[in-house]
Amino acid sequence: MLKLGIIGGMGPEATRLMYGGIIDATDAKTDQEHIDMIILNHASMPDRTAAIKSGDTAEVVRLLREDAQMLERCGAGLIAIPCNTSHVFLDEVRSAVSVPVLDMIGETARYIAENRPDIKKAGILATDGTISQGLYHRALEKYGIEPFAPEGDIQKTVMDIIYGQIKAGKKGNIEDFAVVDTFLKKNGCDGAVLACTELSVFRTNHELNSYYVDAMQALVERCVTLCGGKLKEEKK
């Protein structure tokens, strides 16, 4: 079994959710049937969206590369980053280590293509940084899925839920989310991706239905299987 290295802290709640999600998704009757993990909770990492908007990304890239190298030195055979926006820098991180670094966004698009054929047009709920770089647009289009990202006031609401609510330690306002939900459905989306790990936290707080595909859950399940663990039947 491979040891999983997690570059976390972006944010801490999302990292805690991933850790718990991996345990919950693993079919294990003993401690030894769970996968080994090294979790680096790098909460002081500069904000990724701010770095992308300013164009000053060098420090974020340097720290992500150093974190990956640290995890590799500690024995990680696979690295995952539960932060969608940081995947703007995935190539730079991959080039810093000799072990695989999972593509959370690619894995999510693959999951939708393989498990949700009903989704022909997918809404993308993400940070400005993720959307501006077209990460999910390209990944979804690869599988023939039409991407749709909110703009204007709706995107501002998504950002407020992420930064003003979840990152601020709040549970998240379901009424605000309902406005976004209505907008997506009025624009013909068959489903939507929770493409920010803070929205994964929001989902656990409010039990969103299957219209929403959680990128965190796609990453969790892939980590378990690639590290040699066994998924519970309901997670397959």
C-alpha atoms as a PDB file:
ATOM      1  CA  MET A   1       0.000   0.000   0.000  1.00  0.00           C
ATOM      2  CA  LEU A   2       1.238   3.461  -0.885  1.00  0.00           C
ATOM      3  CA  LYS A   3       1.542   6.130   1.777  1.00  0.00           C
ATOM      4  CA  LEU A   4      -0.576   9.183   0.890  1.00  0.00           C
ATOM      5  CA  GLY A   5       0.864  12.662   1.326  1.00  0.00           C
ATOM      6  CA  ILE A   6      -1.620  15.533   1.587  1.00  0.00           C
ATOM      7  CA  ILE A   7      -0.699  19.181   1.078  1.00  0.00           C
ATOM      8  CA  GLY A   8      -3.469  20.666   3.186  1.00  0.00           C
ATOM      9  CA  GLY A   9      -4.418  23.768   5.099  1.00  0.00           C
ATOM     10  CA  MET A  10      -6.092  25.416   2.083  1.00  0.00           C
ATOM     11  CA  GLY A  11      -8.272  25.608   4.119  1.00  0.00           C
ATOM     12  CA  PRO A  12      -7.954  23.619   7.336  1.00  0.00           C
ATOM     13  CA  GLU A  13     -11.648  22.653   7.458  1.00  0.00           C
ATOM     14  CA  ALA A  14     -11.384  21.166   3.988  1.00  0.00           C
ATOM     15  CA  THR A  15      -8.294  19.204   4.991  1.00  0.00           C
ATOM     16  CA  ARG A  16     -10.068  17.817   8.034  1.00  0.00           C
ATOM     17  CA  LEU A  17     -12.972  16.857   5.780  1.00  0.00           C
ATOM     18  CA  MET A  18     -10.651  14.998   3.412  1.00  0.00           C
ATOM     19  CA  TYR A  19      -9.019  13.052   6.243  1.00  0.00           C
ATOM     20  CA  GLY A  20     -12.383  12.007   7.628  1.00  0.00           C
ATOM     21  CA  GLY A  21     -13.688  11.278   4.145  1.00  0.00           C
ATOM     22  CA  ILE A  22     -10.858   8.862   3.411  1.00  0.00           C
ATOM     23  CA  ILE A  23     -11.501   6.997   6.652  1.00  0.00           C
ATOM     24  CA  ASP A  24     -15.249   6.877   5.993  1.00  0.00           C
ATOM     25  CA  ALA A  25     -14.790   5.693   2.397  1.00  0.00           C
ATOM     26  CA  THR A  26     -12.389   2.868   3.253  1.00  0.00           C
ATOM     27  CA  ASP A  27     -13.729  -0.643   3.774  1.00  0.00           C
ATOM     28  CA  ALA A  28     -11.592  -1.593   6.761  1.00  0.00           C
ATOM     29  CA  LYS A  29     -12.208  -3.958   9.642  1.00  0.00           C
ATOM     30  CA  THR A  30      -8.862  -3.245  11.335  1.00  0.00           C
ATOM     31  CA  ASP A  31      -6.497  -0.291  11.717  1.00  0.00           C
ATOM     32  CA  GLN A  32      -4.096  -1.974   9.330  1.00  0.00           C
ATOM     33  CA  GLU A  33      -6.611  -2.019   6.469  1.00  0.00           C
ATOM     34  CA  HIS A  34      -6.720   1.796   6.394  1.00  0.00           C
ATOM     35  CA  ILE A  35      -4.197   3.673   4.257  1.00  0.00           C
ATOM     36  CA  ASP A  36      -1.248   5.484   5.822  1.00  0.00           C
ATOM     37  CA  MET A  37      -1.316   9.268   5.453  1.00  0.00           C
ATOM     38  CA  ILE A  38       1.016  12.193   6.061  1.00  0.00           C
ATOM     39  CA  ILE A  39      -1.001  15.402   6.369  1.00  0.00           C
ATOM     40  CA  LEU A  40       0.791  18.729   6.031  1.00  0.00           C
ATOM     41  CA  ASN A  41      -1.618  21.421   7.204  1.00  0.00           C
ATOM     42  CA  HIS A  42       0.055  24.428   5.578  1.00  0.00           C
ATOM     43  CA  ALA A  43      -2.513  27.008   6.708  1.00  0.00           C
ATOM     44  CA  SER A  44      -0.081  29.932   6.245  1.00  0.00           C
ATOM     45  CA  MET A  45       0.115  29.281   2.490  1.00  0.00           C
ATOM     46  CA  PRO A  46      -0.623  32.585   0.678  1.00  0.00           C
ATOM     47  CA  ASP A  47      -4.067  32.813  -0.864  1.00  0.00           C
ATOM     48  CA  ARG A  48      -4.036  31.171  -4.287  1.00  0.00           C
ATOM     49  CA  THR A  49      -6.760  33.271  -5.900  1.00  0.00           C
ATOM     50  CA  ALA A  50      -5.108  36.495  -4.740  1.00  0.00           C
ATOM     51  CA  ALA A  51      -1.793  35.314  -6.176  1.00  0.00           C
ATOM     52  CA  ILE A  52      -3.384  34.482  -9.526  1.00  0.00           C
ATOM     53  CA  LYS A  53      -5.196  37.816  -9.716  1.00  0.00           C
ATOM     54  CA  SER A  54      -2.054  39.789  -8.885  1.00  0.00           C
ATOM     55  CA  GLY A  55       0.197  37.697 -11.113  1.00  0.00           C
ATOM     56  CA  ASP A  56       2.599  37.279  -8.198  1.00  0.00           C
ATOM     57  CA  THR A  57       2.573  33.481  -7.972  1.00  0.00           C
ATOM     58  CA  ALA A  58       6.236  32.743  -7.310  1.00  0.00           C
ATOM     59  CA  GLU A  59       5.903  32.339  -3.528  1.00  0.00           C
ATOM     60  CA  VAL A  60       2.890  30.032  -3.772  1.00  0.00           C
ATOM     61  CA  VAL A  61       4.655  27.879  -6.351  1.00  0.00           C
ATOM     62  CA  ARG A  62       7.837  27.731  -4.254  1.00  0.00           C
ATOM     63  CA  LEU A  63       5.967  26.663  -1.130  1.00  0.00           C
ATOM     64  CA  LEU A  64       3.852  24.061  -2.901  1.00  0.00           C
ATOM     65  CA  ARG A  65       6.956  22.548  -4.474  1.00  0.00           C
ATOM     66  CA  GLU A  66       8.761  22.482  -1.110  1.00  0.00           C
ATOM     67  CA  ASP A  67       5.736  20.878   0.551  1.00  0.00           C
ATOM     68  CA  ALA A  68       5.606  18.157  -2.094  1.00  0.00           C
ATOM     69  CA  GLN A  69       9.319  17.506  -1.686  1.00  0.00           C
ATOM     70  CA  MET A  70       8.937  17.281   2.099  1.00  0.00           C
ATOM     71  CA  LEU A  71       6.156  14.724   1.750  1.00  0.00           C
ATOM     72  CA  GLU A  72       8.232  12.697  -0.685  1.00  0.00           C
ATOM     73  CA  ARG A  73      11.174  12.701   1.751  1.00  0.00           C
ATOM     74  CA  CYS A  74       8.803  11.459   4.448  1.00  0.00           C
ATOM     75  CA  GLY A  75       7.875   8.461   2.328  1.00  0.00           C
ATOM     76  CA  ALA A  76       4.749   9.548   0.457  1.00  0.00           C
ATOM     77  CA  GLY A  77       4.219   7.438  -2.659  1.00  0.00           C
ATOM     78  CA  LEU A  78       1.297   9.564  -3.860  1.00  0.00           C
ATOM     79  CA  ILE A  79       0.480  13.224  -3.240  1.00  0.00           C
ATOM     80  CA  ALA A  80      -2.922  14.904  -3.221  1.00  0.00           C
ATOM     81  CA  ILE A  81      -3.819  18.575  -2.813  1.00  0.00           C
ATOM     82  CA  PRO A  82      -7.366  19.245  -1.541  1.00  0.00           C
ATOM     83  CA  CYS A  83      -7.483  22.738  -3.041  1.00  0.00           C
ATOM     84  CA  ASN A  84      -8.873  23.192  -6.532  1.00  0.00           C
ATOM     85  CA  THR A  85      -7.323  26.605  -7.176  1.00  0.00           C
ATOM     86  CA  SER A  86      -3.824  25.368  -6.381  1.00  0.00           C
ATOM     87  CA  HIS A  87      -4.114  23.074  -9.400  1.00  0.00           C
ATOM     88  CA  VAL A  88      -3.236  26.078 -11.542  1.00  0.00           C
ATOM     89  CA  PHE A  89       0.294  25.202 -10.403  1.00  0.00           C
ATOM     90  CA  LEU A  90      -0.008  21.415 -10.781  1.00  0.00           C
ATOM     91  CA  ASP A  91       2.666  21.096 -13.458  1.00  0.00           C
ATOM     92  CA  GLU A  92       5.170  23.016 -11.337  1.00  0.00           C
ATOM     93  CA  VAL A  93       4.459  20.823  -8.319  1.00  0.00           C
ATOM     94  CA  ARG A  94       4.717  17.628 -10.343  1.00  0.00           C
ATOM     95  CA  SER A  95       8.086  18.663 -11.735  1.00  0.00           C
ATOM     96  CA  ALA A  96       9.472  19.011  -8.192  1.00  0.00           C
ATOM     97  CA  VAL A  97       8.991  15.371  -7.180  1.00  0.00           C
ATOM     98  CA  SER A  98       9.379  11.875  -8.576  1.00  0.00           C
ATOM     99  CA  VAL A  99       6.116  10.507  -7.128  1.00  0.00           C
ATOM    100  CA  PRO A 100       2.673  11.030  -8.712  1.00  0.00           C
ATOM    101  CA  VAL A 101       0.657  14.130  -7.800  1.00  0.00           C
ATOM    102  CA  LEU A 102      -3.050  13.597  -8.396  1.00  0.00           C
ATOM    103  CA  ASP A 103      -5.035  15.942 -10.631  1.00  0.00           C
ATOM    104  CA  MET A 104      -8.155  16.625  -8.569  1.00  0.00           C
ATOM    105  CA  ILE A 105      -9.840  18.435 -11.433  1.00  0.00           C
ATOM    106  CA  GLY A 106      -9.135  15.783 -14.019  1.00  0.00           C
ATOM    107  CA  GLU A 107     -10.305  13.077 -11.620  1.00  0.00           C
ATOM    108  CA  THR A 108     -13.570  14.941 -11.013  1.00  0.00           C
ATOM    109  CA  ALA A 109     -14.273  15.328 -14.729  1.00  0.00           C
ATOM    110  CA  ARG A 110     -13.509  11.638 -15.250  1.00  0.00           C
ATOM    111  CA  TYR A 111     -15.813  10.709 -12.379  1.00  0.00           C
ATOM    112  CA  ILE A 112     -18.691  12.668 -13.936  1.00  0.00           C
ATOM    113  CA  ALA A 113     -18.123  11.120 -17.361  1.00  0.00           C
ATOM    114  CA  GLU A 114     -18.055   7.592 -15.939  1.00  0.00           C
ATOM    115  CA  ASN A 115     -20.754   7.863 -13.274  1.00  0.00           C
ATOM    116  CA  ARG A 116     -23.096  10.704 -14.229  1.00  0.00           C
ATOM    117  CA  PRO A 117     -24.119  10.357 -17.881  1.00  0.00           C
ATOM    118  CA  ASP A 118     -27.158  12.488 -17.070  1.00  0.00           C
ATOM    119  CA  ILE A 119     -24.927  15.557 -16.747  1.00  0.00           C
ATOM    120  CA  LYS A 120     -24.473  17.070 -20.198  1.00  0.00           C
ATOM    121  CA  LYS A 121     -24.053  20.650 -18.973  1.00  0.00           C
ATOM    122  CA  ALA A 122     -22.268  21.172 -15.659  1.00  0.00           C
ATOM    123  CA  GLY A 123     -22.211  24.286 -13.535  1.00  0.00           C
ATOM    124  CA  ILE A 124     -18.849  25.155 -11.995  1.00  0.00           C
ATOM    125  CA  LEU A 125     -18.917  26.612  -8.486  1.00  0.00           C
ATOM    126  CA  ALA A 126     -15.374  27.704  -7.742  1.00  0.00           C
ATOM    127  CA  THR A 127     -13.129  30.593  -6.818  1.00  0.00           C
ATOM    128  CA  ASP A 128     -12.411  33.395  -9.250  1.00  0.00           C
ATOM    129  CA  GLY A 129      -8.900  31.965  -9.584  1.00  0.00           C
ATOM    130  CA  THR A 130     -10.078  28.534 -10.655  1.00  0.00           C
ATOM    131  CA  ILE A 131     -12.631  29.900 -13.096  1.00  0.00           C
ATOM    132  CA  SER A 132     -10.350  32.531 -14.619  1.00  0.00           C
ATOM    133  CA  GLN A 133      -7.816  29.847 -15.536  1.00  0.00           C
ATOM    134  CA  GLY A 134     -10.422  27.619 -17.193  1.00  0.00           C
ATOM    135  CA  LEU A 135      -9.336  24.543 -15.256  1.00  0.00           C
ATOM    136  CA  TYR A 136     -12.719  22.836 -15.126  1.00  0.00           C
ATOM    137  CA  HIS A 137     -13.759  24.143 -18.520  1.00  0.00           C
ATOM    138  CA  ARG A 138     -10.941  22.237 -20.213  1.00  0.00           C
ATOM    139  CA  ALA A 139     -11.326  19.115 -18.074  1.00  0.00           C
ATOM    140  CA  LEU A 140     -15.066  18.815 -18.692  1.00  0.00           C
ATOM    141  CA  GLU A 141     -14.854  19.596 -22.402  1.00  0.00           C
ATOM    142  CA  LYS A 142     -12.392  16.732 -22.762  1.00  0.00           C
ATOM    143  CA  TYR A 143     -15.313  14.397 -21.985  1.00  0.00           C
ATOM    144  CA  GLY A 144     -17.863  16.264 -24.079  1.00  0.00           C
ATOM    145  CA  ILE A 145     -19.505  17.948 -21.092  1.00  0.00           C
ATOM    146  CA  GLU A 146     -20.514  21.577 -21.540  1.00  0.00           C
ATOM    147  CA  PRO A 147     -19.100  23.771 -18.752  1.00  0.00           C
ATOM    148  CA  PHE A 148     -20.997  26.729 -17.328  1.00  0.00           C
ATOM    149  CA  ALA A 149     -19.577  29.185 -14.810  1.00  0.00           C
ATOM    150  CA  PRO A 150     -21.563  31.918 -13.058  1.00  0.00           C
ATOM    151  CA  GLU A 151     -20.618  35.547 -13.592  1.00  0.00           C
ATOM    152  CA  GLY A 152     -21.380  38.909 -12.013  1.00  0.00           C
ATOM    153  CA  ASP A 153     -23.421  38.976  -8.826  1.00  0.00           C
ATOM    154  CA  ILE A 154     -23.910  35.210  -8.767  1.00  0.00           C
ATOM    155  CA  GLN A 155     -20.163  34.599  -8.804  1.00  0.00           C
ATOM    156  CA  LYS A 156     -19.772  37.235  -6.092  1.00  0.00           C
ATOM    157  CA  THR A 157     -22.240  35.246  -4.001  1.00  0.00           C
ATOM    158  CA  VAL A 158     -20.226  32.052  -4.568  1.00  0.00           C
ATOM    159  CA  MET A 159     -17.065  33.867  -3.487  1.00  0.00           C
ATOM    160  CA  ASP A 160     -18.796  35.205  -0.383  1.00  0.00           C
ATOM    161  CA  ILE A 161     -19.918  31.714   0.583  1.00  0.00           C
ATOM    162  CA  ILE A 162     -16.323  30.502   0.176  1.00  0.00           C
ATOM    163  CA  TYR A 163     -14.430  33.388   1.778  1.00  0.00           C
ATOM    164  CA  GLY A 164     -16.930  35.376   3.822  1.00  0.00           C
ATOM    165  CA  GLN A 165     -18.661  32.336   5.280  1.00  0.00           C
ATOM    166  CA  ILE A 166     -16.866  28.966   5.239  1.00  0.00           C
ATOM    167  CA  LYS A 167     -13.276  30.239   5.462  1.00  0.00           C
ATOM    168  CA  ALA A 168     -14.487  32.598   8.198  1.00  0.00           C
ATOM    169  CA  GLY A 169     -15.606  29.629  10.281  1.00  0.00           C
ATOM    170  CA  LYS A 170     -19.328  29.903   9.567  1.00  0.00           C
ATOM    171  CA  LYS A 171     -21.660  27.115   8.448  1.00  0.00           C
ATOM    172  CA  GLY A 172     -22.670  28.904   5.263  1.00  0.00           C
ATOM    173  CA  ASN A 173     -25.956  30.569   4.343  1.00  0.00           C
ATOM    174  CA  ILE A 174     -28.318  28.147   2.584  1.00  0.00           C
ATOM    175  CA  GLU A 175     -30.460  31.036   1.345  1.00  0.00           C
ATOM    176  CA  ASP A 176     -27.463  32.490  -0.483  1.00  0.00           C
ATOM    177  CA  PHE A 177     -26.722  29.087  -1.977  1.00  0.00           C
ATOM    178  CA  ALA A 178     -30.355  28.730  -3.082  1.00  0.00           C
ATOM    179  CA  VAL A 179     -29.947  31.822  -5.274  1.00  0.00           C
ATOM    180  CA  VAL A 180     -26.969  30.176  -6.988  1.00  0.00           C
ATOM    181  CA  ASP A 181     -28.848  26.890  -7.307  1.00  0.00           C
ATOM    182  CA  THR A 182     -31.800  28.593  -9.026  1.00  0.00           C
ATOM    183  CA  PHE A 183     -29.464  30.406 -11.409  1.00  0.00           C
ATOM    184  CA  LEU A 184     -27.733  27.191 -12.482  1.00  0.00           C
ATOM    185  CA  LYS A 185     -30.990  25.373 -13.144  1.00  0.00           C
ATOM    186  CA  LYS A 186     -32.487  28.312 -15.045  1.00  0.00           C
ATOM    187  CA  ASN A 187     -29.420  28.214 -17.288  1.00  0.00           C
ATOM    188  CA  GLY A 188     -29.919  24.571 -18.193  1.00  0.00           C
ATOM    189  CA  CYS A 189     -27.326  22.860 -16.013  1.00  0.00           C
ATOM    190  CA  ASP A 190     -28.073  19.166 -15.438  1.00  0.00           C
ATOM    191  CA  GLY A 191     -25.773  19.191 -12.421  1.00  0.00           C
ATOM    192  CA  ALA A 192     -22.951  21.201 -10.907  1.00  0.00           C
ATOM    193  CA  VAL A 193     -19.469  20.655  -9.542  1.00  0.00           C
ATOM    194  CA  LEU A 194     -18.555  21.798  -6.060  1.00  0.00           C
ATOM    195  CA  ALA A 195     -15.183  22.889  -7.402  1.00  0.00           C
ATOM    196  CA  CYS A 196     -13.851  24.455  -4.233  1.00  0.00           C
ATOM    197  CA  THR A 197     -13.116  22.456  -1.105  1.00  0.00           C
ATOM    198  CA  GLU A 198     -14.848  25.086   1.043  1.00  0.00           C
ATOM    199  CA  LEU A 199     -18.003  24.198  -0.864  1.00  0.00           C
ATOM    200  CA  SER A 200     -17.315  20.571   0.030  1.00  0.00           C
ATOM    201  CA  VAL A 201     -17.462  21.722   3.659  1.00  0.00           C
ATOM    202  CA  PHE A 202     -20.695  23.605   2.877  1.00  0.00           C
ATOM    203  CA  ARG A 203     -22.151  20.389   1.455  1.00  0.00           C
ATOM    204  CA  THR A 204     -21.524  18.500   4.696  1.00  0.00           C
ATOM    205  CA  ASN A 205     -23.133  21.295   6.673  1.00  0.00           C
ATOM    206  CA  HIS A 206     -26.278  21.362   4.537  1.00  0.00           C
ATOM    207  CA  GLU A 207     -26.583  17.878   2.957  1.00  0.00           C
ATOM    208  CA  LEU A 208     -26.852  18.961  -0.677  1.00  0.00           C
ATOM    209  CA  ASN A 209     -28.491  16.470  -3.026  1.00  0.00           C
ATOM    210  CA  SER A 210     -26.968  14.521  -5.913  1.00  0.00           C
ATOM    211  CA  TYR A 211     -27.361  17.439  -8.334  1.00  0.00           C
ATOM    212  CA  TYR A 212     -23.986  18.491  -6.918  1.00  0.00           C
ATOM    213  CA  VAL A 213     -20.853  16.480  -7.645  1.00  0.00           C
ATOM    214  CA  ASP A 214     -18.255  17.041  -4.940  1.00  0.00           C
ATOM    215  CA  ALA A 215     -14.705  17.292  -6.296  1.00  0.00           C
ATOM    216  CA  MET A 216     -13.390  16.444  -2.836  1.00  0.00           C
ATOM    217  CA  GLN A 217     -15.270  13.144  -2.817  1.00  0.00           C
ATOM    218  CA  ALA A 218     -13.918  12.237  -6.240  1.00  0.00           C
ATOM    219  CA  LEU A 219     -10.405  12.911  -4.945  1.00  0.00           C
ATOM    220  CA  VAL A 220     -10.991  10.951  -1.743  1.00  0.00           C
ATOM    221  CA  GLU A 221     -12.164   7.839  -3.554  1.00  0.00           C
ATOM    222  CA  ARG A 222      -9.279   7.963  -6.029  1.00  0.00           C
ATOM    223  CA  CYS A 223      -6.764   8.313  -3.189  1.00  0.00           C
ATOM    224  CA  VAL A 224      -8.120   5.240  -1.425  1.00  0.00           C
ATOM    225  CA  THR A 225      -7.991   3.033  -4.510  1.00  0.00           C
ATOM    226  CA  LEU A 226      -4.604   4.221  -5.778  1.00  0.00           C
ATOM    227  CA  CYS A 227      -3.019   3.750  -2.361  1.00  0.00           C
ATOM    228  CA  GLY A 228      -4.215   0.156  -2.218  1.00  0.00           C
ATOM    229  CA  GLY A 229      -7.215   0.554   0.045  1.00  0.00           C
ATOM    230  CA  LYS A 230     -10.640  -0.913  -0.598  1.00  0.00           C
ATOM    231  CA  LEU A 231     -13.671   1.302  -1.117  1.00  0.00           C
ATOM    232  CA  LYS A 232     -16.889   0.512   0.715  1.00  0.00           C
ATOM    233  CA  GLU A 233     -19.510  -0.920  -1.624  1.00  0.00           C
ATOM    234  CA  GLU A 234     -21.701   2.183  -1.488  1.00  0.00           C
ATOM    235  CA  LYS A 235     -18.705   4.330  -2.468  1.00  0.00           C
ATOM    236  CA  LYS A 236     -17.862   2.328  -5.609  1.00  0.00           C
END
